[in-house]
N, C-alpha and C. Protein backbone atom coordinates (compact mmCIF):
# COMPACT_ATOMS: atom_id res chain seq x y z
N UNK A 1 13.01 -9.15 10.39
CA UNK A 1 13.78 -7.71 9.95
C UNK A 1 15.32 -8.31 10.19
N UNK A 2 16.05 -8.17 9.52
CA UNK A 2 17.64 -8.97 9.87
C UNK A 2 18.27 -7.87 10.56
N UNK A 3 18.50 -8.45 11.81
CA UNK A 3 19.44 -7.93 12.80
C UNK A 3 20.79 -8.17 12.91
N UNK A 4 21.19 -8.58 11.78
CA UNK A 4 22.94 -8.73 11.63
C UNK A 4 23.74 -7.84 11.68
N UNK A 5 22.91 -6.39 10.90
CA UNK A 5 23.93 -5.19 10.56
C UNK A 5 23.95 -4.47 11.41
N UNK A 6 23.42 -4.53 12.60
CA UNK A 6 23.31 -4.34 13.98
C UNK A 6 22.43 -3.58 14.79
N UNK A 7 22.70 -2.78 16.03
CA UNK A 7 21.73 -2.47 16.61
C UNK A 7 21.30 -1.12 16.14
N UNK A 8 22.33 -0.56 15.69
CA UNK A 8 21.81 1.20 15.19
C UNK A 8 21.03 1.00 13.80
N UNK A 9 20.98 0.08 12.50
CA UNK A 9 20.20 -0.22 11.73
C UNK A 9 18.61 -0.56 12.46
N UNK A 10 18.61 -1.43 13.56
CA UNK A 10 17.49 -1.91 13.90
C UNK A 10 16.79 -0.77 14.49
N UNK A 11 17.48 0.17 15.37
CA UNK A 11 16.92 1.54 16.02
C UNK A 11 16.41 1.97 15.04
N UNK A 12 17.25 2.65 14.12
CA UNK A 12 16.64 3.26 12.72
C UNK A 12 15.47 2.74 12.08
N UNK A 13 15.32 1.50 11.94
CA UNK A 13 14.04 0.80 11.13
C UNK A 13 12.96 1.13 12.39
N UNK A 14 13.33 0.89 13.64
CA UNK A 14 11.88 1.31 14.38
C UNK A 14 11.77 2.71 14.68
N UNK A 15 12.70 3.46 14.89
CA UNK A 15 11.90 4.72 14.88
C UNK A 15 11.27 5.07 13.09
N UNK A 16 11.60 4.76 12.31
CA UNK A 16 10.84 5.26 11.07
C UNK A 16 9.31 4.63 10.97
N UNK A 17 9.43 3.43 11.79
CA UNK A 17 8.03 2.48 11.60
C UNK A 17 7.21 3.27 12.82
N UNK A 18 7.62 3.98 13.60
CA UNK A 18 6.79 4.85 14.93
C UNK A 18 6.62 6.23 14.05
N UNK A 19 7.09 6.79 13.42
CA UNK A 19 7.29 7.73 12.61
C UNK A 19 5.99 7.69 11.46
N UNK A 20 6.46 6.66 10.70
CA UNK A 20 5.19 6.30 9.80
C UNK A 20 3.80 6.30 10.51
N UNK A 21 3.79 5.21 11.52
CA UNK A 21 2.67 4.95 12.70
C UNK A 21 1.86 6.17 13.01
N UNK A 22 2.71 7.09 13.42
CA UNK A 22 2.07 8.35 13.80
C UNK A 22 1.89 9.49 12.86
N UNK A 23 1.96 8.88 11.78
CA UNK A 23 1.87 9.81 10.44
C UNK A 23 2.70 11.18 10.45
N UNK A 24 3.97 11.27 11.09
CA UNK A 24 4.78 12.22 11.11
C UNK A 24 5.45 12.19 10.01
N UNK A 25 6.17 13.53 9.02
CA UNK A 25 7.13 13.12 8.23
C UNK A 25 8.23 14.15 8.36
N UNK A 26 9.33 13.50 7.59
CA UNK A 26 10.48 13.51 7.75
C UNK A 26 10.86 14.01 6.39
N UNK A 27 11.87 15.00 6.24
CA UNK A 27 11.92 15.26 4.74
C UNK A 27 13.08 14.67 4.44
N UNK A 28 12.97 14.22 3.25
CA UNK A 28 13.88 12.81 2.74
C UNK A 28 15.59 13.75 2.68
N UNK A 29 15.95 12.60 2.81
CA UNK A 29 17.41 12.74 3.47
C UNK A 29 18.28 13.12 1.63
N UNK A 30 18.82 14.11 1.67
CA UNK A 30 20.01 13.81 0.39
C UNK A 30 19.11 14.69 -0.63
N UNK A 31 18.03 15.17 -0.58
CA UNK A 31 17.05 15.89 -1.12
C UNK A 31 17.90 16.98 -2.19
N UNK A 32 17.77 16.99 -3.54
CA UNK A 32 18.17 18.24 -4.23
C UNK A 32 17.30 19.25 -4.07
N UNK A 33 17.76 20.51 -4.02
CA UNK A 33 17.05 21.59 -4.56
C UNK A 33 15.31 21.74 -3.39
N UNK A 34 14.92 22.95 -3.78
CA UNK A 34 13.74 23.15 -2.43
C UNK A 34 12.60 22.33 -3.15
N UNK A 35 11.82 21.67 -2.11
CA UNK A 35 10.38 20.97 -2.35
C UNK A 35 9.32 21.90 -2.21
N UNK A 36 8.14 21.80 -2.69
CA UNK A 36 6.86 22.84 -2.51
C UNK A 36 6.46 22.16 -1.70
N UNK A 37 6.16 23.53 -0.75
CA UNK A 37 5.69 22.92 0.27
C UNK A 37 4.64 21.94 0.65
N UNK A 38 3.85 21.63 -0.62
CA UNK A 38 2.92 20.55 -0.54
C UNK A 38 3.07 19.36 -1.56
N UNK A 39 4.43 19.70 -2.17
CA UNK A 39 4.80 18.46 -2.67
C UNK A 39 5.77 17.64 -1.77
N UNK A 40 5.99 16.46 -1.94
CA UNK A 40 7.05 15.82 -1.67
C UNK A 40 8.17 15.19 -2.62
N UNK A 41 8.06 16.03 -3.96
CA UNK A 41 9.38 15.84 -4.64
C UNK A 41 9.21 16.82 -5.44
N UNK A 42 10.62 17.01 -6.27
CA UNK A 42 11.33 17.85 -6.55
C UNK A 42 11.48 17.42 -8.18
N UNK A 43 11.06 17.68 -9.44
CA UNK A 43 10.81 17.33 -10.51
C UNK A 43 11.14 18.87 -11.43
N UNK A 44 12.16 18.56 -12.42
CA UNK A 44 12.51 19.86 -12.81
C UNK A 44 12.92 19.12 -14.47
N UNK A 45 12.25 20.03 -15.40
CA UNK A 45 12.57 19.76 -16.79
C UNK A 45 12.50 17.73 -17.28
N UNK A 46 11.59 17.32 -16.17
CA UNK A 46 11.48 15.70 -16.61
C UNK A 46 12.71 15.52 -15.97
N UNK A 47 13.48 15.60 -15.10
CA UNK A 47 14.66 15.03 -14.14
C UNK A 47 14.52 15.05 -12.97
N UNK A 48 14.76 14.18 -11.95
CA UNK A 48 14.20 13.84 -10.51
C UNK A 48 15.31 14.38 -9.34
N UNK A 49 14.93 14.79 -8.37
CA UNK A 49 15.93 14.38 -7.15
C UNK A 49 16.24 13.34 -6.58
N UNK A 50 17.66 13.47 -5.71
CA UNK A 50 18.11 11.82 -5.48
C UNK A 50 16.89 11.31 -4.60
N UNK A 51 15.97 11.59 -4.05
CA UNK A 51 15.18 11.12 -3.35
C UNK A 51 13.89 10.40 -4.41
N UNK A 52 13.30 11.39 -5.21
CA UNK A 52 12.08 10.65 -5.88
C UNK A 52 13.31 9.40 -6.69
N UNK A 53 14.23 9.38 -7.13
CA UNK A 53 15.34 8.44 -7.91
C UNK A 53 15.30 7.24 -7.16
N UNK A 54 15.91 7.30 -5.95
CA UNK A 54 15.51 6.53 -4.79
C UNK A 54 14.33 5.87 -4.89
N UNK A 55 13.04 6.49 -4.87
CA UNK A 55 11.85 6.04 -4.86
C UNK A 55 11.31 5.19 -5.92
N UNK A 56 11.96 5.20 -6.90
CA UNK A 56 11.76 4.61 -8.31
C UNK A 56 12.39 3.18 -7.96
N UNK A 57 13.40 3.42 -7.72
CA UNK A 57 14.68 2.11 -7.28
C UNK A 57 13.65 1.40 -6.65
N UNK A 58 13.57 1.62 -5.06
CA UNK A 58 12.77 1.09 -4.30
C UNK A 58 11.66 0.46 -4.65
N UNK A 59 10.85 1.06 -5.47
CA UNK A 59 9.53 1.04 -5.74
C UNK A 59 9.26 -0.30 -6.74
N UNK A 60 10.46 -0.10 -7.70
CA UNK A 60 10.95 -1.45 -8.77
C UNK A 60 11.41 -2.73 -8.28
N UNK A 61 12.14 -2.69 -7.35
CA UNK A 61 12.59 -3.78 -6.05
C UNK A 61 11.52 -4.40 -5.36
N UNK A 62 10.72 -3.69 -4.99
CA UNK A 62 9.41 -4.10 -4.01
C UNK A 62 8.11 -4.09 -4.08
N UNK A 63 7.49 -3.09 -5.09
CA UNK A 63 6.26 -3.18 -5.17
C UNK A 63 5.77 -3.30 -6.90
N UNK A 64 6.55 -3.14 -7.76
CA UNK A 64 6.48 -3.37 -9.26
C UNK A 64 5.55 -4.86 -9.34
N UNK A 65 6.06 -6.08 -8.67
CA UNK A 65 5.43 -7.32 -9.28
C UNK A 65 4.33 -7.20 -9.23
N UNK A 66 3.36 -6.48 -8.20
CA UNK A 66 2.40 -6.29 -7.86
C UNK A 66 1.48 -5.43 -8.60
N UNK A 67 2.29 -4.19 -8.29
CA UNK A 67 1.39 -2.71 -8.50
C UNK A 67 2.05 -2.35 -10.57
N UNK A 68 2.48 -3.56 -10.62
CA UNK A 68 2.67 -3.05 -12.34
C UNK A 68 3.99 -2.09 -12.52
N UNK A 69 4.79 -2.27 -13.22
CA UNK A 69 5.34 -0.93 -14.02
C UNK A 69 4.81 0.53 -13.55
N UNK A 70 5.85 1.25 -12.91
CA UNK A 70 5.44 2.82 -12.76
C UNK A 70 4.27 3.13 -11.91
N UNK A 71 4.08 1.95 -11.06
CA UNK A 71 2.65 2.02 -10.17
C UNK A 71 1.21 2.37 -11.24
N UNK A 72 0.89 2.04 -11.92
CA UNK A 72 -0.12 1.83 -13.16
C UNK A 72 -0.94 0.86 -12.70
N UNK A 73 -0.39 0.08 -11.93
CA UNK A 73 -1.60 -1.40 -11.66
C UNK A 73 -1.65 -2.46 -12.06
N UNK A 74 -1.74 -3.74 -12.22
CA UNK A 74 -1.75 -5.11 -12.87
C UNK A 74 -2.87 -5.80 -12.44
N UNK A 75 -3.05 -6.45 -13.21
CA UNK A 75 -4.08 -7.84 -12.75
C UNK A 75 -4.01 -8.30 -11.62
N UNK A 76 -2.98 -8.28 -11.08
CA UNK A 76 -2.59 -8.84 -9.31
C UNK A 76 -3.19 -7.31 -8.20
N UNK A 77 -2.43 -6.24 -8.61
CA UNK A 77 -2.46 -4.88 -7.58
C UNK A 77 -3.19 -3.54 -8.57
N UNK A 78 -3.67 -3.01 -7.43
CA UNK A 78 -4.64 -1.66 -7.82
C UNK A 78 -3.42 -0.73 -8.70
N UNK A 79 -4.08 0.40 -9.22
CA UNK A 79 -3.24 1.17 -10.01
C UNK A 79 -2.89 2.20 -8.82
N UNK A 80 -1.70 2.33 -8.31
CA UNK A 80 -1.67 3.30 -7.32
C UNK A 80 -1.60 4.98 -7.64
N UNK A 81 -1.39 5.30 -8.69
CA UNK A 81 -1.52 6.23 -9.33
C UNK A 81 -2.67 7.03 -8.93
N UNK A 82 -3.81 6.09 -9.42
CA UNK A 82 -5.47 6.43 -9.35
C UNK A 82 -5.58 6.70 -7.86
N UNK A 83 -4.96 5.89 -7.00
CA UNK A 83 -5.34 5.66 -5.42
C UNK A 83 -4.71 7.14 -5.23
N UNK A 84 -3.58 7.46 -5.39
CA UNK A 84 -2.87 8.42 -4.67
C UNK A 84 -3.69 10.04 -5.16
N UNK A 85 -4.57 9.89 -5.92
CA UNK A 85 -5.17 10.79 -6.22
C UNK A 85 -5.99 11.54 -5.02
N UNK A 86 -6.12 10.52 -4.32
CA UNK A 86 -7.32 11.06 -3.46
C UNK A 86 -6.86 10.76 -1.95
N UNK A 87 -5.46 9.91 -1.52
CA UNK A 87 -5.34 9.15 -0.75
C UNK A 87 -4.38 10.05 0.10
N UNK A 88 -4.13 10.39 1.09
CA UNK A 88 -3.22 11.30 2.15
C UNK A 88 -2.07 10.65 2.03
N UNK A 89 -0.80 11.04 2.58
CA UNK A 89 0.44 10.29 2.96
C UNK A 89 0.31 9.62 3.75
N UNK A 90 -0.10 9.99 4.89
CA UNK A 90 -0.22 8.95 5.96
C UNK A 90 -1.23 7.74 5.95
N UNK A 91 -2.10 8.27 5.23
CA UNK A 91 -3.19 6.85 4.91
C UNK A 91 -2.04 5.91 4.33
N UNK A 92 -1.78 6.37 2.93
CA UNK A 92 -0.80 5.37 2.26
C UNK A 92 0.62 4.76 2.82
N UNK A 93 1.04 5.76 4.21
CA UNK A 93 1.92 5.05 4.84
C UNK A 93 1.16 3.85 5.92
N UNK A 94 0.32 3.93 6.16
CA UNK A 94 -0.35 2.97 7.21
C UNK A 94 -0.70 1.94 6.23
N UNK A 95 -1.08 2.00 5.41
CA UNK A 95 -1.64 0.74 4.13
C UNK A 95 0.12 -0.12 3.78
N UNK A 96 1.10 0.89 4.07
CA UNK A 96 2.22 0.08 3.89
C UNK A 96 2.51 -0.75 4.71
N UNK A 97 2.84 -0.12 6.32
CA UNK A 97 3.05 -0.30 7.24
C UNK A 97 2.82 -1.60 7.41
N UNK A 98 1.26 -1.59 7.98
CA UNK A 98 0.01 -2.58 8.03
C UNK A 98 -0.36 -3.77 7.33
N UNK A 99 -0.52 -3.17 5.76
CA UNK A 99 -1.04 -3.88 4.86
C UNK A 99 -2.88 -3.68 4.89
N UNK A 100 -3.46 -4.36 3.59
CA UNK A 100 -4.77 -3.64 3.65
C UNK A 100 -5.44 -5.16 3.08
N UNK A 101 -6.73 -5.52 3.70
CA UNK A 101 -7.76 -6.38 2.98
C UNK A 101 -9.09 -5.99 2.80
N UNK A 102 -9.44 -5.97 1.61
CA UNK A 102 -10.50 -5.79 0.91
C UNK A 102 -11.30 -6.79 0.47
N UNK A 103 -12.46 -7.49 1.13
CA UNK A 103 -12.90 -8.57 0.99
C UNK A 103 -14.53 -8.06 0.19
N UNK A 104 -14.93 -8.20 -0.72
CA UNK A 104 -16.27 -8.20 -1.06
C UNK A 104 -16.68 -9.60 -1.93
N UNK A 105 -18.11 -9.33 -2.29
CA UNK A 105 -18.64 -10.48 -3.00
C UNK A 105 -18.07 -10.80 -4.03
N UNK A 106 -17.69 -9.61 -4.96
CA UNK A 106 -16.92 -10.02 -6.11
C UNK A 106 -15.66 -10.17 -6.41
N UNK A 107 -14.84 -9.47 -5.50
CA UNK A 107 -13.40 -9.53 -5.32
C UNK A 107 -12.66 -9.86 -4.14
N UNK A 108 -11.39 -10.47 -3.82
CA UNK A 108 -10.85 -10.16 -2.58
C UNK A 108 -9.41 -9.71 -3.00
N UNK A 109 -8.79 -8.88 -2.09
CA UNK A 109 -7.54 -8.07 -2.62
C UNK A 109 -6.58 -7.87 -1.24
N UNK A 110 -5.66 -8.44 -1.39
CA UNK A 110 -4.75 -8.44 -0.01
C UNK A 110 -3.58 -7.58 -0.29
N UNK A 111 -3.33 -6.16 0.63
CA UNK A 111 -1.82 -6.11 0.34
C UNK A 111 -1.41 -6.34 1.50
N UNK A 112 -0.04 -7.01 1.66
CA UNK A 112 0.77 -7.83 2.67
C UNK A 112 1.19 -6.74 3.45
N UNK A 113 1.65 -6.41 5.14
CA UNK A 113 2.48 -5.75 5.58
C UNK A 113 3.92 -5.64 5.08
N UNK A 114 4.49 -4.34 5.24
CA UNK A 114 6.06 -4.15 4.96
C UNK A 114 6.30 -3.70 6.02
N UNK A 115 6.04 -3.91 7.05
CA UNK A 115 6.65 -2.97 8.64
C UNK A 115 7.94 -3.44 8.31
N UNK A 116 8.12 -5.15 8.26
CA UNK A 116 9.41 -5.78 8.42
C UNK A 116 10.36 -5.43 7.41
N UNK A 117 10.16 -4.93 6.31
CA UNK A 117 11.09 -4.95 5.21
C UNK A 117 11.64 -3.71 5.61
N UNK A 118 13.14 -4.15 5.43
CA UNK A 118 13.52 -2.72 5.53
C UNK A 118 14.12 -1.80 4.60
N UNK A 119 14.17 -2.51 3.50
CA UNK A 119 14.27 -1.61 1.87
C UNK A 119 13.29 -1.00 1.89
N UNK A 120 11.83 -0.96 2.23
CA UNK A 120 10.55 -0.37 2.59
C UNK A 120 10.65 0.63 3.46
N UNK A 121 10.65 0.12 4.54
CA UNK A 121 10.40 0.87 5.61
C UNK A 121 11.57 2.51 5.69
N UNK A 122 12.81 1.75 5.24
CA UNK A 122 13.66 3.38 5.50
C UNK A 122 13.57 4.04 4.10
N UNK A 123 12.76 3.55 3.12
CA UNK A 123 13.00 4.32 1.86
C UNK A 123 11.10 5.18 1.62
N UNK A 124 10.09 4.76 2.85
CA UNK A 124 8.93 4.95 2.42
C UNK A 124 8.73 6.53 2.33
N UNK A 125 9.75 7.42 2.66
CA UNK A 125 9.51 8.87 1.92
C UNK A 125 9.63 8.81 0.57
N UNK A 126 10.52 8.15 0.02
CA UNK A 126 11.15 8.34 -1.28
C UNK A 126 9.90 7.58 -2.12
N UNK A 127 9.38 6.24 -1.70
CA UNK A 127 8.90 5.56 -2.89
C UNK A 127 7.09 6.55 -2.79
N UNK A 128 7.33 7.17 -2.13
CA UNK A 128 5.89 8.01 -1.64
C UNK A 128 6.27 9.16 -2.59
N UNK A 129 7.22 9.78 -2.87
CA UNK A 129 7.46 10.86 -3.18
C UNK A 129 7.49 10.49 -4.86
N UNK A 130 8.22 9.26 -5.32
CA UNK A 130 7.85 8.63 -6.66
C UNK A 130 6.67 8.85 -7.12
N UNK A 131 5.81 7.83 -6.36
CA UNK A 131 4.35 7.76 -6.74
C UNK A 131 3.66 8.94 -6.69
N UNK A 132 3.82 9.72 -5.77
CA UNK A 132 2.94 11.29 -6.26
C UNK A 132 3.38 11.98 -7.10
N UNK A 133 4.32 12.15 -7.29
CA UNK A 133 5.07 12.68 -8.66
C UNK A 133 4.36 12.24 -9.93
N UNK A 134 4.45 10.92 -9.80
CA UNK A 134 3.58 10.13 -11.11
C UNK A 134 1.75 10.33 -11.05
N UNK A 135 1.58 10.23 -9.63
CA UNK A 135 0.17 10.20 -9.91
C UNK A 135 -0.28 11.88 -10.14
N UNK A 136 0.47 12.98 -9.96
CA UNK A 136 0.29 14.25 -10.21
C UNK A 136 0.54 14.48 -11.55
N UNK A 137 0.92 13.88 -12.42
CA UNK A 137 1.42 14.13 -13.69
C UNK A 137 2.49 14.42 -14.33
N UNK A 138 3.68 14.71 -12.91
CA UNK A 138 4.46 15.29 -13.28
C UNK A 138 5.84 14.91 -13.49
N UNK A 139 5.80 13.69 -13.64
CA UNK A 139 6.93 12.26 -13.96
C UNK A 139 6.33 11.63 -14.88
N UNK A 140 6.43 11.08 -16.05
CA UNK A 140 6.36 10.03 -16.95
C UNK A 140 7.01 8.86 -16.54
N UNK A 141 6.14 7.73 -17.62
CA UNK A 141 6.61 6.19 -17.10
C UNK A 141 8.28 6.12 -17.48
N UNK A 142 8.85 5.09 -17.22
CA UNK A 142 10.40 4.77 -17.10
C UNK A 142 11.22 5.15 -16.12
N UNK A 143 12.62 4.39 -16.73
CA UNK A 143 13.72 5.38 -15.48
C UNK A 143 13.88 6.75 -15.38
N UNK A 144 13.22 7.48 -14.12
CA UNK A 144 13.66 8.83 -14.09
C UNK A 144 15.18 9.08 -14.16
N UNK A 145 15.33 10.32 -15.09
CA UNK A 145 16.49 10.61 -14.94
C UNK A 145 16.83 11.72 -14.03
N UNK A 146 18.40 11.87 -13.07
CA UNK A 146 18.21 12.50 -11.80
C UNK A 146 18.89 13.81 -12.65
N UNK A 147 18.81 14.98 -11.84
CA UNK A 147 19.86 15.97 -12.11
C UNK A 147 20.80 16.17 -11.03
N UNK A 148 21.55 16.95 -11.40
CA UNK A 148 22.49 16.84 -10.40
C UNK A 148 22.74 18.69 -9.93
N UNK A 149 22.97 18.89 -8.44
CA UNK A 149 23.18 19.95 -7.93
C UNK A 149 23.01 21.39 -8.89
């Protein structure tokens, strides 16, 4: 973790890691519109709120190279949209924070831990919201368009 930005940022990252590990949820900061109780995203007429848009940006920067465009998977990383059909938000966060290793006789797959990656940990809620909207089928492929207040 880069501590050159000061102790305030370091304490914020540490707090978010603790929250993620404990399975607690924090409402997305700056979200526009009301979120449905059981949905972490707001999508209206194909447009997304600020948090989901930010999740797309962070996903594209940190996750795309393994999990492919739009979370649809690649030859290197699994389809996250399919995974999120049955994976809880808490389990998703646990895997992102701690990583995962699946070794079978036929394959070996390794997800590295991202607990030390600020751009992932600070926006883990947004990344989840983006991927969950894609997984639920309410958001299409490509760069989403944001709606204004």
